[in-house]
Amino acid sequence: MNRCYFCGTELDVGRIVGRGEICPRCHRDIRCCCNCVFHDPPASNQCREPQSETVSDRAASNFCDYFRFVDTAGEGRGNDAAQKAREEWERLFRK
């Protein structure tokens, strides 16, 4: 089941997700690092795919050739309080 990372809406997407596709509910980009199976914030470059290029905005659409939509269940992963706290901490101390 494919769900939007940001709002948890179930998405009916095919095998290939186009760069311009957006969530019908929250209007965020679907083809972004946050919706990818390889996205892993603690990993190097926040990606488990070692050959991926650096992406500056992981919540925005990009041209990554390794994108594979993560199979999720339940609410959107972006609603997790712990995940939001980690992202806030990273944003504060990244610069």
Protein backbone atom coordinates (compact mmCIF):
# COMPACT_ATOMS: atom_id res chain seq x y z
CA MET A 1 0.00 0.00 0.00
CA ASN A 2 1.44 3.37 -0.98
CA ARG A 3 0.76 6.28 1.33
CA CYS A 4 1.85 9.89 1.30
CA TYR A 5 4.71 10.44 3.75
CA PHE A 6 3.30 13.80 4.81
CA CYS A 7 -0.43 13.18 5.35
CA GLY A 8 -0.90 9.40 5.17
CA THR A 9 -3.34 9.48 2.25
CA GLU A 10 -3.49 6.21 0.33
CA LEU A 11 -2.17 6.80 -3.18
CA ASP A 12 -2.99 4.92 -6.35
CA VAL A 13 0.35 5.16 -8.13
CA GLY A 14 1.77 2.85 -10.72
CA ARG A 15 5.18 1.28 -10.81
CA ILE A 16 6.71 4.49 -12.17
CA VAL A 17 6.02 7.70 -10.24
CA GLY A 18 6.40 10.82 -12.36
CA ARG A 19 8.37 13.81 -11.11
CA GLY A 20 5.33 16.10 -11.35
CA GLU A 21 2.89 13.92 -9.41
CA ILE A 22 1.47 15.41 -6.20
CA CYS A 23 -0.66 14.13 -3.35
CA PRO A 24 -4.34 14.96 -3.94
CA ARG A 25 -4.87 15.76 -0.26
CA CYS A 26 -1.83 17.76 0.91
CA HIS A 27 -0.49 18.78 -2.53
CA ARG A 28 3.09 17.75 -1.69
CA ASP A 29 5.45 16.07 -4.15
CA ILE A 30 5.10 12.29 -4.29
CA ARG A 31 8.42 11.52 -5.98
CA CYS A 32 10.68 12.72 -3.18
CA CYS A 33 13.21 11.13 -0.84
CA CYS A 34 10.69 10.99 2.02
CA ASN A 35 8.54 8.55 -0.01
CA CYS A 36 11.48 6.40 -1.12
CA VAL A 37 12.36 2.96 0.24
CA PHE A 38 16.04 4.00 0.41
CA HIS A 39 15.45 7.12 2.56
CA ASP A 40 17.16 6.66 5.92
CA PRO A 41 17.99 9.85 7.92
CA PRO A 42 20.81 8.27 10.01
CA ALA A 43 22.55 6.85 6.90
CA SER A 44 25.29 8.61 4.98
CA ASN A 45 23.66 11.17 2.67
CA GLN A 46 20.35 10.10 4.33
CA CYS A 47 20.10 7.35 1.73
CA ARG A 48 20.81 3.61 1.84
CA GLU A 49 21.64 3.61 -1.88
CA PRO A 50 25.43 4.22 -1.88
CA GLN A 51 25.56 5.56 -5.45
CA SER A 52 22.86 8.20 -5.04
CA GLU A 53 23.69 11.86 -5.46
CA THR A 54 23.21 14.41 -2.70
CA VAL A 55 19.72 15.92 -2.61
CA SER A 56 19.37 19.25 -0.82
CA ASP A 57 15.60 19.19 -0.21
CA ARG A 58 14.44 15.66 0.57
CA ALA A 59 10.77 16.70 0.69
CA ALA A 60 10.80 18.09 -2.87
CA SER A 61 10.61 16.28 -6.18
CA ASN A 62 13.96 15.25 -7.66
CA PHE A 63 15.53 13.29 -10.52
CA CYS A 64 17.00 10.39 -8.50
CA ASP A 65 17.25 7.25 -10.64
CA TYR A 66 17.05 5.00 -7.56
CA PHE A 67 13.61 6.14 -6.38
CA ARG A 68 11.34 3.26 -5.35
CA PHE A 69 8.07 4.05 -3.57
CA VAL A 70 8.12 2.71 -0.04
CA ASP A 71 5.31 0.31 0.88
CA THR A 72 3.74 1.77 4.02
CA ALA A 73 0.82 0.91 6.26
CA GLY A 74 -1.16 3.03 8.70
CA GLU A 75 -0.85 6.78 9.03
CA GLY A 76 1.75 8.83 7.20
CA ARG A 77 5.24 8.40 8.56
CA GLY A 78 5.58 12.18 8.70
CA ASN A 79 3.06 12.34 11.57
CA ASP A 80 5.39 10.60 14.02
CA ALA A 81 6.37 13.02 16.82
CA ALA A 82 9.81 11.46 17.23
CA GLN A 83 10.51 11.81 13.50
CA LYS A 84 9.44 15.45 13.57
CA ALA A 85 11.71 16.11 16.56
CA ARG A 86 14.69 14.53 14.74
CA GLU A 87 14.02 16.60 11.63
CA GLU A 88 13.78 19.79 13.71
CA TRP A 89 17.05 18.98 15.48
CA GLU A 90 18.78 18.30 12.14
CA ARG A 91 17.46 21.56 10.73
CA LEU A 92 18.74 23.52 13.72
CA PHE A 93 22.24 22.06 13.76
CA ARG A 94 22.85 21.39 10.06
CA LYS A 95 24.11 24.90 9.25
